[in-house]
Amino acid sequence: MGHSCGALLHMLITSLFPDTPRAANALISYNNRGIGEAVPLFDEVFAPLFGDGERNGSELIKSLIGVGRAKAAGRVPGDASLLRLARAVPSPFPRGLADAVLTPAAVGLPGPVREALSGLAGPVHSALRSAGLATVLDEAFDVADQVPKLIDEVEGGARDFVPTPDAMSAAARRAYRCRRTLLVQFENDSLDDSEVLEGYLREAESVMKTKRPMITIQLERRVLGGNHLTPLLGPSGGEGWGEALEGALGGVLGAVDGVAPTGSEGGDDDDGPSSRSVPGDEGANARLVRERLGYQQVERVVEELATWLDEGSL
């Protein structure tokens, strides 16, 4: 199962690596476009900005991630990390002068200060771990760590994806060999190429059937409500912090406009009394968040995938 670029990667794996057979693929929001189409204003804004090593912020992002990882792990960042961060912060002074001023002695933490901070770091890390946030922070840093790598590639001259969209399309038409595939696209997704991919996979099916007529190929495409970012929402709640955030955010949404989730107003429908959000009603708040922020659409995606898996006894 893959979303967007993940769907593209699964298509390539299935087409180009015969030693990795698949019982089935679920390809969500498949996207295969040149960088100019996939990233708005890439040539006009991102390429000039990222191509300038003095202004693109790559070193600053790397430094912030390093310091953040240390703090999230319950450690006080080392003097070398602090020095790297200080030198990465944009300065109006010439680089040579800034480096001369920002020395290890000027940036490093005095021993008593470091000791005091170390005594606080452990309990903070334990609290994060108990709340289930330590893992979330680690994953967030892993995602953020991809940004400076991308900037560095553009600075080095990269101007498009490799392989090219044409090469990937040719691979899908010629060699896609998965016997069961589900394509999922969303109604409000301008980046989706699932319908085009469906045509390519039909071609691949014809190629395979000429070689092995007895093989059965199942290919479905389903269109659901949502947009390209819908699968990134994930399930709401679940952890203690998620439920608390859901209740608090639902309370804010309810206070702003006082509108309850669709179909639950008025108290005269089949669902019983009105579930309009009121202070202290965490259940109504949670329902409001799921409706307004698209979590209901996520749940629909999960239901479709589960049904598809059951149908194939997977």
C-alpha atoms as a PDB file:
ATOM      1  CA  MET A   1       0.000   0.000   0.000  1.00  0.00           C
ATOM      2  CA  GLY A   2       1.359   3.399  -0.910  1.00  0.00           C
ATOM      3  CA  HIS A   3       0.191   7.016  -1.142  1.00  0.00           C
ATOM      4  CA  SER A   4       1.280   9.497  -3.837  1.00  0.00           C
ATOM      5  CA  CYS A   5       5.029   8.961  -4.265  1.00  0.00           C
ATOM      6  CA  GLY A   6       4.630   5.743  -2.258  1.00  0.00           C
ATOM      7  CA  ALA A   7       2.139   4.484  -4.834  1.00  0.00           C
ATOM      8  CA  LEU A   8       4.608   5.370  -7.576  1.00  0.00           C
ATOM      9  CA  LEU A   9       7.377   3.440  -5.809  1.00  0.00           C
ATOM     10  CA  HIS A  10       5.198   0.338  -5.417  1.00  0.00           C
ATOM     11  CA  MET A  11       4.345   0.506  -9.113  1.00  0.00           C
ATOM     12  CA  LEU A  12       8.048   0.618  -9.976  1.00  0.00           C
ATOM     13  CA  ILE A  13       8.934  -2.216  -7.585  1.00  0.00           C
ATOM     14  CA  THR A  14       6.195  -4.409  -9.035  1.00  0.00           C
ATOM     15  CA  SER A  15       7.203  -3.597 -12.626  1.00  0.00           C
ATOM     16  CA  LEU A  16      10.998  -3.680 -12.461  1.00  0.00           C
ATOM     17  CA  PHE A  17      11.876  -6.195  -9.735  1.00  0.00           C
ATOM     18  CA  PRO A  18      10.493  -9.657 -10.511  1.00  0.00           C
ATOM     19  CA  ASP A  19      12.041 -11.058  -7.323  1.00  0.00           C
ATOM     20  CA  THR A  20       9.516  -9.073  -5.235  1.00  0.00           C
ATOM     21  CA  PRO A  21       6.151 -10.634  -6.180  1.00  0.00           C
ATOM     22  CA  ARG A  22       3.011  -9.026  -4.757  1.00  0.00           C
ATOM     23  CA  ALA A  23      -0.290 -10.670  -3.844  1.00  0.00           C
ATOM     24  CA  ALA A  24      -1.893  -7.246  -4.242  1.00  0.00           C
ATOM     25  CA  ASN A  25      -1.207  -3.515  -4.408  1.00  0.00           C
ATOM     26  CA  ALA A  26      -3.343  -0.656  -3.093  1.00  0.00           C
ATOM     27  CA  LEU A  27      -2.174   2.517  -4.854  1.00  0.00           C
ATOM     28  CA  ILE A  28      -3.620   5.706  -3.357  1.00  0.00           C
ATOM     29  CA  SER A  29      -3.436   9.137  -5.038  1.00  0.00           C
ATOM     30  CA  TYR A  30      -0.961   7.898  -7.631  1.00  0.00           C
ATOM     31  CA  ASN A  31       1.077  10.821  -8.961  1.00  0.00           C
ATOM     32  CA  ASN A  32       3.595  10.784 -11.826  1.00  0.00           C
ATOM     33  CA  ARG A  33       4.447  14.271 -13.058  1.00  0.00           C
ATOM     34  CA  GLY A  34       7.465  16.405 -13.700  1.00  0.00           C
ATOM     35  CA  ILE A  35       8.541  18.585 -10.823  1.00  0.00           C
ATOM     36  CA  GLY A  36       7.211  21.698 -12.551  1.00  0.00           C
ATOM     37  CA  GLU A  37       3.671  20.286 -12.396  1.00  0.00           C
ATOM     38  CA  ALA A  38       3.951  18.547  -9.040  1.00  0.00           C
ATOM     39  CA  VAL A  39       5.503  21.528  -7.201  1.00  0.00           C
ATOM     40  CA  PRO A  40       3.876  24.884  -8.075  1.00  0.00           C
ATOM     41  CA  LEU A  41       6.367  27.730  -8.722  1.00  0.00           C
ATOM     42  CA  PHE A  42       9.346  25.374  -8.537  1.00  0.00           C
ATOM     43  CA  ASP A  43      11.281  27.033 -11.380  1.00  0.00           C
ATOM     44  CA  GLU A  44      10.280  30.563 -10.382  1.00  0.00           C
ATOM     45  CA  VAL A  45      10.790  30.372  -6.607  1.00  0.00           C
ATOM     46  CA  PHE A  46      12.259  27.155  -5.234  1.00  0.00           C
ATOM     47  CA  ALA A  47      15.066  26.552  -7.721  1.00  0.00           C
ATOM     48  CA  PRO A  48      16.569  30.072  -7.359  1.00  0.00           C
ATOM     49  CA  LEU A  49      16.162  30.058  -3.571  1.00  0.00           C
ATOM     50  CA  PHE A  50      17.436  26.540  -2.931  1.00  0.00           C
ATOM     51  CA  GLY A  51      20.278  27.011  -5.398  1.00  0.00           C
ATOM     52  CA  ASP A  52      21.863  29.690  -3.213  1.00  0.00           C
ATOM     53  CA  GLY A  53      23.758  27.954  -0.409  1.00  0.00           C
ATOM     54  CA  GLU A  54      24.052  31.185   1.569  1.00  0.00           C
ATOM     55  CA  ARG A  55      20.293  31.754   1.683  1.00  0.00           C
ATOM     56  CA  ASN A  56      18.561  28.398   1.363  1.00  0.00           C
ATOM     57  CA  GLY A  57      18.583  27.583   5.090  1.00  0.00           C
ATOM     58  CA  SER A  58      19.704  23.962   4.655  1.00  0.00           C
ATOM     59  CA  GLU A  59      22.410  24.197   7.305  1.00  0.00           C
ATOM     60  CA  LEU A  60      20.060  25.968   9.733  1.00  0.00           C
ATOM     61  CA  ILE A  61      17.410  23.247   9.327  1.00  0.00           C
ATOM     62  CA  LYS A  62      19.990  20.494   9.908  1.00  0.00           C
ATOM     63  CA  SER A  63      21.246  22.278  13.025  1.00  0.00           C
ATOM     64  CA  LEU A  64      17.742  22.754  14.424  1.00  0.00           C
ATOM     65  CA  ILE A  65      16.915  19.094  13.833  1.00  0.00           C
ATOM     66  CA  GLY A  66      20.100  18.008  15.609  1.00  0.00           C
ATOM     67  CA  VAL A  67      19.366  20.171  18.652  1.00  0.00           C
ATOM     68  CA  GLY A  68      15.725  19.106  18.645  1.00  0.00           C
ATOM     69  CA  ARG A  69      16.576  15.395  18.540  1.00  0.00           C
ATOM     70  CA  ALA A  70      18.886  15.792  21.525  1.00  0.00           C
ATOM     71  CA  LYS A  71      16.237  17.590  23.577  1.00  0.00           C
ATOM     72  CA  ALA A  72      13.523  15.098  22.603  1.00  0.00           C
ATOM     73  CA  ALA A  73      15.819  12.262  23.720  1.00  0.00           C
ATOM     74  CA  GLY A  74      16.303  13.832  27.146  1.00  0.00           C
ATOM     75  CA  ARG A  75      19.796  15.206  26.502  1.00  0.00           C
ATOM     76  CA  VAL A  76      21.181  18.713  26.607  1.00  0.00           C
ATOM     77  CA  PRO A  77      22.623  19.553  23.164  1.00  0.00           C
ATOM     78  CA  GLY A  78      26.408  19.449  23.077  1.00  0.00           C
ATOM     79  CA  ASP A  79      28.515  22.565  22.621  1.00  0.00           C
ATOM     80  CA  ALA A  80      29.418  21.503  19.068  1.00  0.00           C
ATOM     81  CA  SER A  81      25.723  21.296  18.146  1.00  0.00           C
ATOM     82  CA  LEU A  82      25.037  24.703  19.689  1.00  0.00           C
ATOM     83  CA  LEU A  83      28.009  26.222  17.846  1.00  0.00           C
ATOM     84  CA  ARG A  84      26.808  24.773  14.540  1.00  0.00           C
ATOM     85  CA  LEU A  85      23.328  26.210  15.163  1.00  0.00           C
ATOM     86  CA  ALA A  86      24.653  29.651  16.106  1.00  0.00           C
ATOM     87  CA  ARG A  87      26.778  29.843  12.970  1.00  0.00           C
ATOM     88  CA  ALA A  88      23.870  28.710  10.799  1.00  0.00           C
ATOM     89  CA  VAL A  89      21.579  31.544  11.946  1.00  0.00           C
ATOM     90  CA  PRO A  90      21.490  34.281   9.242  1.00  0.00           C
ATOM     91  CA  SER A  91      23.661  37.250  10.165  1.00  0.00           C
ATOM     92  CA  PRO A  92      24.109  40.711   8.600  1.00  0.00           C
ATOM     93  CA  PHE A  93      27.858  40.457   9.248  1.00  0.00           C
ATOM     94  CA  PRO A  94      30.387  38.880   6.861  1.00  0.00           C
ATOM     95  CA  ARG A  95      30.774  35.121   7.331  1.00  0.00           C
ATOM     96  CA  GLY A  96      34.410  35.418   8.458  1.00  0.00           C
ATOM     97  CA  LEU A  97      33.573  37.971  11.147  1.00  0.00           C
ATOM     98  CA  ALA A  98      30.607  35.954  12.430  1.00  0.00           C
ATOM     99  CA  ASP A  99      32.714  32.789  12.680  1.00  0.00           C
ATOM    100  CA  ALA A 100      35.424  34.696  14.551  1.00  0.00           C
ATOM    101  CA  VAL A 101      32.903  35.962  17.100  1.00  0.00           C
ATOM    102  CA  LEU A 102      30.962  32.724  17.488  1.00  0.00           C
ATOM    103  CA  THR A 103      33.643  30.570  19.071  1.00  0.00           C
ATOM    104  CA  PRO A 104      33.154  27.414  21.185  1.00  0.00           C
ATOM    105  CA  ALA A 105      33.943  29.456  24.294  1.00  0.00           C
ATOM    106  CA  ALA A 106      31.330  32.093  23.424  1.00  0.00           C
ATOM    107  CA  VAL A 107      28.532  29.644  22.591  1.00  0.00           C
ATOM    108  CA  GLY A 108      29.185  26.713  24.924  1.00  0.00           C
ATOM    109  CA  LEU A 109      27.177  26.268  28.109  1.00  0.00           C
ATOM    110  CA  PRO A 110      28.985  26.751  31.429  1.00  0.00           C
ATOM    111  CA  GLY A 111      29.317  23.565  33.498  1.00  0.00           C
ATOM    112  CA  PRO A 112      26.785  24.515  36.210  1.00  0.00           C
ATOM    113  CA  VAL A 113      24.210  25.574  33.625  1.00  0.00           C
ATOM    114  CA  ARG A 114      24.618  22.340  31.668  1.00  0.00           C
ATOM    115  CA  GLU A 115      24.314  20.317  34.862  1.00  0.00           C
ATOM    116  CA  ALA A 116      21.129  22.109  35.860  1.00  0.00           C
ATOM    117  CA  LEU A 117      19.601  21.653  32.431  1.00  0.00           C
ATOM    118  CA  SER A 118      20.554  17.975  32.432  1.00  0.00           C
ATOM    119  CA  GLY A 119      18.613  17.537  35.653  1.00  0.00           C
ATOM    120  CA  LEU A 120      15.503  18.929  33.954  1.00  0.00           C
ATOM    121  CA  ALA A 121      15.880  17.093  30.641  1.00  0.00           C
ATOM    122  CA  GLY A 122      15.279  13.621  32.054  1.00  0.00           C
ATOM    123  CA  PRO A 123      11.880  14.317  33.653  1.00  0.00           C
ATOM    124  CA  VAL A 124      10.718  16.195  30.544  1.00  0.00           C
ATOM    125  CA  HIS A 125      11.648  13.223  28.353  1.00  0.00           C
ATOM    126  CA  SER A 126       9.859  10.829  30.723  1.00  0.00           C
ATOM    127  CA  ALA A 127       6.728  12.978  30.559  1.00  0.00           C
ATOM    128  CA  LEU A 128       6.827  13.016  26.759  1.00  0.00           C
ATOM    129  CA  ARG A 129       7.268   9.254  26.663  1.00  0.00           C
ATOM    130  CA  SER A 130       4.400   8.684  29.098  1.00  0.00           C
ATOM    131  CA  ALA A 131       2.113  10.895  26.994  1.00  0.00           C
ATOM    132  CA  GLY A 132       3.022   8.999  23.830  1.00  0.00           C
ATOM    133  CA  LEU A 133       4.664  12.076  22.289  1.00  0.00           C
ATOM    134  CA  ALA A 134       8.276  10.851  22.201  1.00  0.00           C
ATOM    135  CA  THR A 135       7.590   8.583  19.219  1.00  0.00           C
ATOM    136  CA  VAL A 136       5.602  11.322  17.479  1.00  0.00           C
ATOM    137  CA  LEU A 137       8.534  13.723  17.839  1.00  0.00           C
ATOM    138  CA  ASP A 138      10.992  11.152  16.492  1.00  0.00           C
ATOM    139  CA  GLU A 139       8.801  10.597  13.445  1.00  0.00           C
ATOM    140  CA  ALA A 140       8.407  14.358  12.960  1.00  0.00           C
ATOM    141  CA  PHE A 141      12.193  14.791  12.971  1.00  0.00           C
ATOM    142  CA  ASP A 142      12.540  11.942  10.451  1.00  0.00           C
ATOM    143  CA  VAL A 143      10.136  13.773   8.133  1.00  0.00           C
ATOM    144  CA  ALA A 144      11.844  17.139   8.675  1.00  0.00           C
ATOM    145  CA  ASP A 145      15.217  15.530   7.969  1.00  0.00           C
ATOM    146  CA  GLN A 146      14.172  15.025   4.338  1.00  0.00           C
ATOM    147  CA  VAL A 147      13.854  18.776   3.731  1.00  0.00           C
ATOM    148  CA  PRO A 148      17.556  19.785   3.850  1.00  0.00           C
ATOM    149  CA  LYS A 149      18.447  16.729   1.741  1.00  0.00           C
ATOM    150  CA  LEU A 150      16.025  17.944  -0.920  1.00  0.00           C
ATOM    151  CA  ILE A 151      17.426  21.477  -0.709  1.00  0.00           C
ATOM    152  CA  ASP A 152      20.971  20.153  -1.096  1.00  0.00           C
ATOM    153  CA  GLU A 153      19.980  18.187  -4.216  1.00  0.00           C
ATOM    154  CA  VAL A 154      18.459  21.289  -5.815  1.00  0.00           C
ATOM    155  CA  GLU A 155      21.532  23.306  -4.843  1.00  0.00           C
ATOM    156  CA  GLY A 156      23.626  20.632  -6.571  1.00  0.00           C
ATOM    157  CA  GLY A 157      21.704  21.110  -9.819  1.00  0.00           C
ATOM    158  CA  ALA A 158      18.784  18.659  -9.637  1.00  0.00           C
ATOM    159  CA  ARG A 159      15.808  20.027 -11.567  1.00  0.00           C
ATOM    160  CA  ASP A 160      13.493  17.043 -11.991  1.00  0.00           C
ATOM    161  CA  PHE A 161      12.613  13.620 -10.636  1.00  0.00           C
ATOM    162  CA  VAL A 162      14.585  10.520 -11.593  1.00  0.00           C
ATOM    163  CA  PRO A 163      13.454   8.298 -13.297  1.00  0.00           C
ATOM    164  CA  THR A 164      11.490  10.633 -15.550  1.00  0.00           C
ATOM    165  CA  PRO A 165       7.679  10.398 -15.716  1.00  0.00           C
ATOM    166  CA  ASP A 166       7.924   8.953 -19.250  1.00  0.00           C
ATOM    167  CA  ALA A 167      10.268   6.188 -18.099  1.00  0.00           C
ATOM    168  CA  MET A 168       7.982   5.285 -15.205  1.00  0.00           C
ATOM    169  CA  SER A 169       4.917   5.223 -17.446  1.00  0.00           C
ATOM    170  CA  ALA A 170       6.717   2.934 -19.875  1.00  0.00           C
ATOM    171  CA  ALA A 171       7.605   0.565 -17.036  1.00  0.00           C
ATOM    172  CA  ALA A 172       3.955   0.400 -15.935  1.00  0.00           C
ATOM    173  CA  ARG A 173       2.686  -0.368 -19.460  1.00  0.00           C
ATOM    174  CA  ARG A 174       5.343  -2.931 -20.242  1.00  0.00           C
ATOM    175  CA  ALA A 175       5.986  -4.911 -17.079  1.00  0.00           C
ATOM    176  CA  TYR A 176       3.453  -4.343 -14.268  1.00  0.00           C
ATOM    177  CA  ARG A 177       2.645  -7.867 -13.070  1.00  0.00           C
ATOM    178  CA  CYS A 178       0.543  -7.670  -9.900  1.00  0.00           C
ATOM    179  CA  ARG A 179      -2.572  -9.830 -10.191  1.00  0.00           C
ATOM    180  CA  ARG A 180      -4.778  -7.698  -7.924  1.00  0.00           C
ATOM    181  CA  THR A 181      -4.631  -3.907  -7.759  1.00  0.00           C
ATOM    182  CA  LEU A 182      -6.848  -1.247  -6.179  1.00  0.00           C
ATOM    183  CA  LEU A 183      -6.499   2.357  -7.325  1.00  0.00           C
ATOM    184  CA  VAL A 184      -7.923   4.922  -4.901  1.00  0.00           C
ATOM    185  CA  GLN A 185      -8.362   8.536  -5.947  1.00  0.00           C
ATOM    186  CA  PHE A 186     -10.117  11.495  -4.320  1.00  0.00           C
ATOM    187  CA  GLU A 187     -12.722  13.823  -5.766  1.00  0.00           C
ATOM    188  CA  ASN A 188     -10.788  17.042  -5.024  1.00  0.00           C
ATOM    189  CA  ASP A 189      -7.277  15.893  -5.916  1.00  0.00           C
ATOM    190  CA  SER A 190      -5.757  17.888  -8.773  1.00  0.00           C
ATOM    191  CA  LEU A 191      -2.467  15.959  -8.480  1.00  0.00           C
ATOM    192  CA  ASP A 192      -3.969  12.512  -9.007  1.00  0.00           C
ATOM    193  CA  ASP A 193      -3.033  10.410 -12.066  1.00  0.00           C
ATOM    194  CA  SER A 194      -4.891   7.224 -11.118  1.00  0.00           C
ATOM    195  CA  GLU A 195      -7.134   7.276 -14.189  1.00  0.00           C
ATOM    196  CA  VAL A 196      -4.095   7.503 -16.482  1.00  0.00           C
ATOM    197  CA  LEU A 197      -2.397   4.708 -14.553  1.00  0.00           C
ATOM    198  CA  GLU A 198      -5.480   2.543 -14.967  1.00  0.00           C
ATOM    199  CA  GLY A 199      -5.059   2.781 -18.739  1.00  0.00           C
ATOM    200  CA  TYR A 200      -1.390   1.814 -18.481  1.00  0.00           C
ATOM    201  CA  LEU A 201      -2.168  -1.175 -16.278  1.00  0.00           C
ATOM    202  CA  ARG A 202      -4.828  -2.349 -18.740  1.00  0.00           C
ATOM    203  CA  GLU A 203      -2.088  -2.348 -21.370  1.00  0.00           C
ATOM    204  CA  ALA A 204       0.169  -4.335 -19.026  1.00  0.00           C
ATOM    205  CA  GLU A 205      -2.666  -6.814 -18.497  1.00  0.00           C
ATOM    206  CA  SER A 206      -2.928  -7.376 -22.248  1.00  0.00           C
ATOM    207  CA  VAL A 207       0.828  -7.926 -22.476  1.00  0.00           C
ATOM    208  CA  MET A 208       0.760 -10.449 -19.643  1.00  0.00           C
ATOM    209  CA  LYS A 209      -2.209 -12.335 -21.062  1.00  0.00           C
ATOM    210  CA  THR A 210      -0.415 -12.868 -24.367  1.00  0.00           C
ATOM    211  CA  LYS A 211       2.344 -14.616 -22.446  1.00  0.00           C
ATOM    212  CA  ARG A 212       0.248 -16.401 -19.813  1.00  0.00           C
ATOM    213  CA  PRO A 213      -3.420 -16.603 -20.929  1.00  0.00           C
ATOM    214  CA  MET A 214      -4.613 -18.436 -17.815  1.00  0.00           C
ATOM    215  CA  ILE A 215      -3.648 -15.628 -15.430  1.00  0.00           C
ATOM    216  CA  THR A 216      -6.520 -13.614 -13.950  1.00  0.00           C
ATOM    217  CA  ILE A 217      -5.927  -9.899 -13.408  1.00  0.00           C
ATOM    218  CA  GLN A 218      -8.182  -7.857 -11.116  1.00  0.00           C
ATOM    219  CA  LEU A 219      -7.958  -4.079 -11.376  1.00  0.00           C
ATOM    220  CA  GLU A 220     -10.365  -1.648  -9.698  1.00  0.00           C
ATOM    221  CA  ARG A 221     -10.432   2.141  -9.392  1.00  0.00           C
ATOM    222  CA  ARG A 222     -12.544   3.786  -6.700  1.00  0.00           C
ATOM    223  CA  VAL A 223     -13.206   7.507  -6.262  1.00  0.00           C
ATOM    224  CA  LEU A 224     -13.786   8.720  -2.699  1.00  0.00           C
ATOM    225  CA  GLY A 225     -14.462  12.049  -1.038  1.00  0.00           C
ATOM    226  CA  GLY A 226     -11.372  13.969   0.023  1.00  0.00           C
ATOM    227  CA  ASN A 227      -8.204  15.470  -1.427  1.00  0.00           C
ATOM    228  CA  HIS A 228      -4.549  14.610  -1.894  1.00  0.00           C
ATOM    229  CA  LEU A 229      -3.765  15.125   1.797  1.00  0.00           C
ATOM    230  CA  THR A 230      -6.681  13.110   3.180  1.00  0.00           C
ATOM    231  CA  PRO A 231      -4.634   9.911   3.830  1.00  0.00           C
ATOM    232  CA  LEU A 232      -2.091  11.937   5.823  1.00  0.00           C
ATOM    233  CA  LEU A 233      -4.634  12.784   8.506  1.00  0.00           C
ATOM    234  CA  GLY A 234      -4.543   9.306   9.997  1.00  0.00           C
ATOM    235  CA  PRO A 235      -7.089   8.215  12.590  1.00  0.00           C
ATOM    236  CA  SER A 236      -8.018  10.844  15.137  1.00  0.00           C
ATOM    237  CA  GLY A 237      -7.738  10.227  18.865  1.00  0.00           C
ATOM    238  CA  GLY A 238      -6.478   6.808  19.896  1.00  0.00           C
ATOM    239  CA  GLU A 239      -3.860   8.008  22.347  1.00  0.00           C
ATOM    240  CA  GLY A 240      -4.591  10.031  25.461  1.00  0.00           C
ATOM    241  CA  TRP A 241      -3.055  13.173  23.969  1.00  0.00           C
ATOM    242  CA  GLY A 242      -5.019  12.675  20.742  1.00  0.00           C
ATOM    243  CA  GLU A 243      -8.319  12.413  22.576  1.00  0.00           C
ATOM    244  CA  ALA A 244      -7.522  15.511  24.627  1.00  0.00           C
ATOM    245  CA  LEU A 245      -6.584  17.474  21.502  1.00  0.00           C
ATOM    246  CA  GLU A 246      -9.701  16.263  19.713  1.00  0.00           C
ATOM    247  CA  GLY A 247     -11.939  17.366  22.576  1.00  0.00           C
ATOM    248  CA  ALA A 248     -10.239  20.757  22.945  1.00  0.00           C
ATOM    249  CA  LEU A 249     -10.208  21.503  19.220  1.00  0.00           C
ATOM    250  CA  GLY A 250     -13.820  20.421  18.860  1.00  0.00           C
ATOM    251  CA  GLY A 251     -14.730  22.791  21.665  1.00  0.00           C
ATOM    252  CA  VAL A 252     -13.022  25.660  19.823  1.00  0.00           C
ATOM    253  CA  LEU A 253     -14.792  24.840  16.542  1.00  0.00           C
ATOM    254  CA  GLY A 254     -18.122  24.561  18.319  1.00  0.00           C
ATOM    255  CA  ALA A 255     -17.587  27.866  20.125  1.00  0.00           C
ATOM    256  CA  VAL A 256     -16.734  29.666  16.882  1.00  0.00           C
ATOM    257  CA  ASP A 257     -19.920  28.826  15.010  1.00  0.00           C
ATOM    258  CA  GLY A 258     -22.027  26.565  17.241  1.00  0.00           C
ATOM    259  CA  VAL A 259     -22.692  24.136  14.409  1.00  0.00           C
ATOM    260  CA  ALA A 260     -23.019  20.463  15.302  1.00  0.00           C
ATOM    261  CA  PRO A 261     -21.938  17.638  12.963  1.00  0.00           C
ATOM    262  CA  THR A 262     -24.064  17.108   9.871  1.00  0.00           C
ATOM    263  CA  GLY A 263     -27.294  15.237  10.513  1.00  0.00           C
ATOM    264  CA  SER A 264     -27.159  15.593  14.288  1.00  0.00           C
ATOM    265  CA  GLU A 265     -28.868  18.963  14.766  1.00  0.00           C
ATOM    266  CA  GLY A 266     -32.377  19.649  15.846  1.00  0.00           C
ATOM    267  CA  GLY A 267     -33.067  16.529  17.874  1.00  0.00           C
ATOM    268  CA  ASP A 268     -35.765  15.274  15.495  1.00  0.00           C
ATOM    269  CA  ASP A 269     -33.808  12.805  13.381  1.00  0.00           C
ATOM    270  CA  ASP A 270     -33.356   9.083  13.822  1.00  0.00           C
ATOM    271  CA  ASP A 271     -30.091   9.509  15.711  1.00  0.00           C
ATOM    272  CA  GLY A 272     -31.790  10.798  18.827  1.00  0.00           C
ATOM    273  CA  PRO A 273     -31.329  14.112  20.624  1.00  0.00           C
ATOM    274  CA  SER A 274     -29.212  16.890  19.238  1.00  0.00           C
ATOM    275  CA  SER A 275     -25.474  16.420  19.611  1.00  0.00           C
ATOM    276  CA  ARG A 276     -24.640  20.106  19.194  1.00  0.00           C
ATOM    277  CA  SER A 277     -21.274  20.779  20.816  1.00  0.00           C
ATOM    278  CA  VAL A 278     -21.609  22.227  24.275  1.00  0.00           C
ATOM    279  CA  PRO A 279     -18.954  22.850  26.901  1.00  0.00           C
ATOM    280  CA  GLY A 280     -17.903  19.589  28.498  1.00  0.00           C
ATOM    281  CA  ASP A 281     -19.459  17.393  25.782  1.00  0.00           C
ATOM    282  CA  GLU A 282     -16.275  15.699  24.600  1.00  0.00           C
ATOM    283  CA  GLY A 283     -18.176  13.191  22.474  1.00  0.00           C
ATOM    284  CA  ALA A 284     -19.820  15.921  20.392  1.00  0.00           C
ATOM    285  CA  ASN A 285     -16.518  17.802  20.181  1.00  0.00           C
ATOM    286  CA  ALA A 286     -14.783  14.715  18.825  1.00  0.00           C
ATOM    287  CA  ARG A 287     -17.521  14.184  16.230  1.00  0.00           C
ATOM    288  CA  LEU A 288     -17.225  17.798  15.133  1.00  0.00           C
ATOM    289  CA  VAL A 289     -13.456  17.489  14.664  1.00  0.00           C
ATOM    290  CA  ARG A 290     -13.796  14.300  12.642  1.00  0.00           C
ATOM    291  CA  GLU A 291     -16.369  15.933  10.383  1.00  0.00           C
ATOM    292  CA  ARG A 292     -14.755  19.335   9.886  1.00  0.00           C
ATOM    293  CA  LEU A 293     -11.124  18.206   9.492  1.00  0.00           C
ATOM    294  CA  GLY A 294     -11.819  15.278   7.216  1.00  0.00           C
ATOM    295  CA  TYR A 295     -11.372  12.358   9.597  1.00  0.00           C
ATOM    296  CA  GLN A 296     -14.678  10.920   8.417  1.00  0.00           C
ATOM    297  CA  GLN A 297     -13.168  10.743   4.943  1.00  0.00           C
ATOM    298  CA  VAL A 298     -10.174   8.906   6.405  1.00  0.00           C
ATOM    299  CA  GLU A 299     -12.507   6.402   8.025  1.00  0.00           C
ATOM    300  CA  ARG A 300     -14.193   5.865   4.639  1.00  0.00           C
ATOM    301  CA  VAL A 301     -10.791   5.117   3.075  1.00  0.00           C
ATOM    302  CA  VAL A 302     -10.051   2.584   5.810  1.00  0.00           C
ATOM    303  CA  GLU A 303     -13.427   0.932   5.278  1.00  0.00           C
ATOM    304  CA  GLU A 304     -12.842   0.662   1.520  1.00  0.00           C
ATOM    305  CA  LEU A 305      -9.388  -0.843   2.006  1.00  0.00           C
ATOM    306  CA  ALA A 306     -10.622  -3.311   4.615  1.00  0.00           C
ATOM    307  CA  THR A 307     -13.475  -4.409   2.349  1.00  0.00           C
ATOM    308  CA  TRP A 308     -11.113  -4.842  -0.601  1.00  0.00           C
ATOM    309  CA  LEU A 309      -8.692  -6.911   1.500  1.00  0.00           C
ATOM    310  CA  ASP A 310     -11.518  -9.110   2.765  1.00  0.00           C
ATOM    311  CA  GLU A 311     -12.808  -9.693  -0.750  1.00  0.00           C
ATOM    312  CA  GLY A 312      -9.408 -11.021  -1.754  1.00  0.00           C
ATOM    313  CA  SER A 313      -8.910 -13.013   1.466  1.00  0.00           C
ATOM    314  CA  LEU A 314      -5.713 -11.017   2.099  1.00  0.00           C
END
